[in-house]
Amino acid sequence: MTDQDFSIEEKIYALIDQLNAYIEQYHGGSVAIDRIEGNVVYVRLGGACEECPLSTATLHGWVAGTLRQFFPDLQVARAD
């Protein structure tokens, strides 16, 4: 299989899964996609990230920054 065999949505899910594995292992938190609507990816932070005062920085800096490296038109928002 090549990169072309996967949809953009599948690639986004795979990238978030990789971020989640790192966040779980090294920070005790989690990140998961709640939904994708147009060019907005809604994510939920869990575990240690839920109450962490740096969760906004994690969401906008780390999660959104990583996604934008591969998908420049995407925006990331915290799911309600």
C-alpha atoms as a PDB file:
ATOM      1  CA  MET A   1       0.000   0.000   0.000  1.00  0.00           C
ATOM      2  CA  THR A   2       1.146   3.496  -0.704  1.00  0.00           C
ATOM      3  CA  ASP A   3       0.274   6.817   0.875  1.00  0.00           C
ATOM      4  CA  GLN A   4      -2.170   7.383  -1.966  1.00  0.00           C
ATOM      5  CA  ASP A   5      -4.197   4.360  -0.871  1.00  0.00           C
ATOM      6  CA  PHE A   6      -5.414   6.173   2.245  1.00  0.00           C
ATOM      7  CA  SER A   7      -7.954   8.982   2.464  1.00  0.00           C
ATOM      8  CA  ILE A   8      -7.049  12.309   4.061  1.00  0.00           C
ATOM      9  CA  GLU A   9      -9.299  11.405   6.989  1.00  0.00           C
ATOM     10  CA  GLU A  10      -7.474   8.095   7.508  1.00  0.00           C
ATOM     11  CA  LYS A  11      -4.140   9.928   7.465  1.00  0.00           C
ATOM     12  CA  ILE A  12      -5.406  12.429  10.052  1.00  0.00           C
ATOM     13  CA  TYR A  13      -6.588   9.609  12.340  1.00  0.00           C
ATOM     14  CA  ALA A  14      -3.222   7.846  11.974  1.00  0.00           C
ATOM     15  CA  LEU A  15      -1.313  11.010  12.844  1.00  0.00           C
ATOM     16  CA  ILE A  16      -3.463  11.633  15.932  1.00  0.00           C
ATOM     17  CA  ASP A  17      -2.936   7.995  16.964  1.00  0.00           C
ATOM     18  CA  GLN A  18       0.830   8.551  16.825  1.00  0.00           C
ATOM     19  CA  LEU A  19       0.554  11.732  18.894  1.00  0.00           C
ATOM     20  CA  ASN A  20      -1.685   9.906  21.365  1.00  0.00           C
ATOM     21  CA  ALA A  21       0.836   7.094  21.823  1.00  0.00           C
ATOM     22  CA  TYR A  22       3.543   9.617  22.707  1.00  0.00           C
ATOM     23  CA  ILE A  23       1.286  11.630  25.027  1.00  0.00           C
ATOM     24  CA  GLU A  24       0.144   8.452  26.811  1.00  0.00           C
ATOM     25  CA  GLN A  25       3.651   7.091  27.278  1.00  0.00           C
ATOM     26  CA  TYR A  26       5.432  10.243  28.359  1.00  0.00           C
ATOM     27  CA  HIS A  27       2.749  12.440  29.880  1.00  0.00           C
ATOM     28  CA  GLY A  28      -0.025  10.117  31.088  1.00  0.00           C
ATOM     29  CA  GLY A  29      -2.605  11.925  28.959  1.00  0.00           C
ATOM     30  CA  SER A  30      -4.420  11.238  25.738  1.00  0.00           C
ATOM     31  CA  VAL A  31      -5.720  12.893  22.597  1.00  0.00           C
ATOM     32  CA  ALA A  32      -8.473  11.468  20.394  1.00  0.00           C
ATOM     33  CA  ILE A  33     -10.507  12.712  17.472  1.00  0.00           C
ATOM     34  CA  ASP A  34     -14.119  13.406  18.348  1.00  0.00           C
ATOM     35  CA  ARG A  35     -15.132  14.330  14.797  1.00  0.00           C
ATOM     36  CA  ILE A  36     -14.012  16.034  11.618  1.00  0.00           C
ATOM     37  CA  GLU A  37     -16.265  18.697  10.111  1.00  0.00           C
ATOM     38  CA  GLY A  38     -14.967  20.272   6.933  1.00  0.00           C
ATOM     39  CA  ASN A  39     -11.461  21.469   7.677  1.00  0.00           C
ATOM     40  CA  VAL A  40     -11.908  21.448  11.477  1.00  0.00           C
ATOM     41  CA  VAL A  41     -10.708  18.498  13.549  1.00  0.00           C
ATOM     42  CA  TYR A  42     -12.378  18.354  16.964  1.00  0.00           C
ATOM     43  CA  VAL A  43     -10.321  16.501  19.566  1.00  0.00           C
ATOM     44  CA  ARG A  44     -10.719  15.456  23.169  1.00  0.00           C
ATOM     45  CA  LEU A  45      -7.857  15.557  25.627  1.00  0.00           C
ATOM     46  CA  GLY A  46      -8.004  12.978  28.386  1.00  0.00           C
ATOM     47  CA  GLY A  47      -6.057  11.471  31.247  1.00  0.00           C
ATOM     48  CA  ALA A  48      -3.511  13.824  32.768  1.00  0.00           C
ATOM     49  CA  CYS A  49      -4.259  16.375  30.041  1.00  0.00           C
ATOM     50  CA  GLU A  50      -7.822  16.971  31.279  1.00  0.00           C
ATOM     51  CA  GLU A  51      -6.897  19.107  34.290  1.00  0.00           C
ATOM     52  CA  CYS A  52      -3.432  20.183  33.180  1.00  0.00           C
ATOM     53  CA  PRO A  53      -2.918  23.959  32.989  1.00  0.00           C
ATOM     54  CA  LEU A  54      -0.807  23.405  29.857  1.00  0.00           C
ATOM     55  CA  SER A  55      -3.566  21.542  27.972  1.00  0.00           C
ATOM     56  CA  THR A  56      -4.339  24.595  25.826  1.00  0.00           C
ATOM     57  CA  ALA A  57      -0.680  24.781  24.791  1.00  0.00           C
ATOM     58  CA  THR A  58      -0.728  21.053  24.054  1.00  0.00           C
ATOM     59  CA  LEU A  59      -3.867  21.427  21.937  1.00  0.00           C
ATOM     60  CA  HIS A  60      -2.847  24.477  19.942  1.00  0.00           C
ATOM     61  CA  GLY A  61       0.917  24.125  19.897  1.00  0.00           C
ATOM     62  CA  TRP A  62       1.526  20.448  19.729  1.00  0.00           C
ATOM     63  CA  VAL A  63      -1.579  18.799  18.268  1.00  0.00           C
ATOM     64  CA  ALA A  64      -2.607  21.617  15.910  1.00  0.00           C
ATOM     65  CA  GLY A  65       1.011  22.407  15.010  1.00  0.00           C
ATOM     66  CA  THR A  66       1.745  18.813  14.075  1.00  0.00           C
ATOM     67  CA  LEU A  67      -1.431  18.446  12.004  1.00  0.00           C
ATOM     68  CA  ARG A  68      -0.728  21.712  10.153  1.00  0.00           C
ATOM     69  CA  GLN A  69       2.719  20.441   9.138  1.00  0.00           C
ATOM     70  CA  PHE A  70       1.010  17.767   7.058  1.00  0.00           C
ATOM     71  CA  PHE A  71      -2.378  19.386   6.428  1.00  0.00           C
ATOM     72  CA  PRO A  72      -1.886  23.197   6.337  1.00  0.00           C
ATOM     73  CA  ASP A  73      -5.581  23.963   5.795  1.00  0.00           C
ATOM     74  CA  LEU A  74      -6.777  22.141   8.925  1.00  0.00           C
ATOM     75  CA  GLN A  75      -7.846  23.798  12.137  1.00  0.00           C
ATOM     76  CA  VAL A  76      -8.010  22.040  15.481  1.00  0.00           C
ATOM     77  CA  ALA A  77     -10.578  22.719  18.191  1.00  0.00           C
ATOM     78  CA  ARG A  78     -11.402  21.126  21.511  1.00  0.00           C
ATOM     79  CA  ALA A  79     -14.606  19.099  21.382  1.00  0.00           C
ATOM     80  CA  ASP A  80     -17.366  20.160  23.790  1.00  0.00           C
END
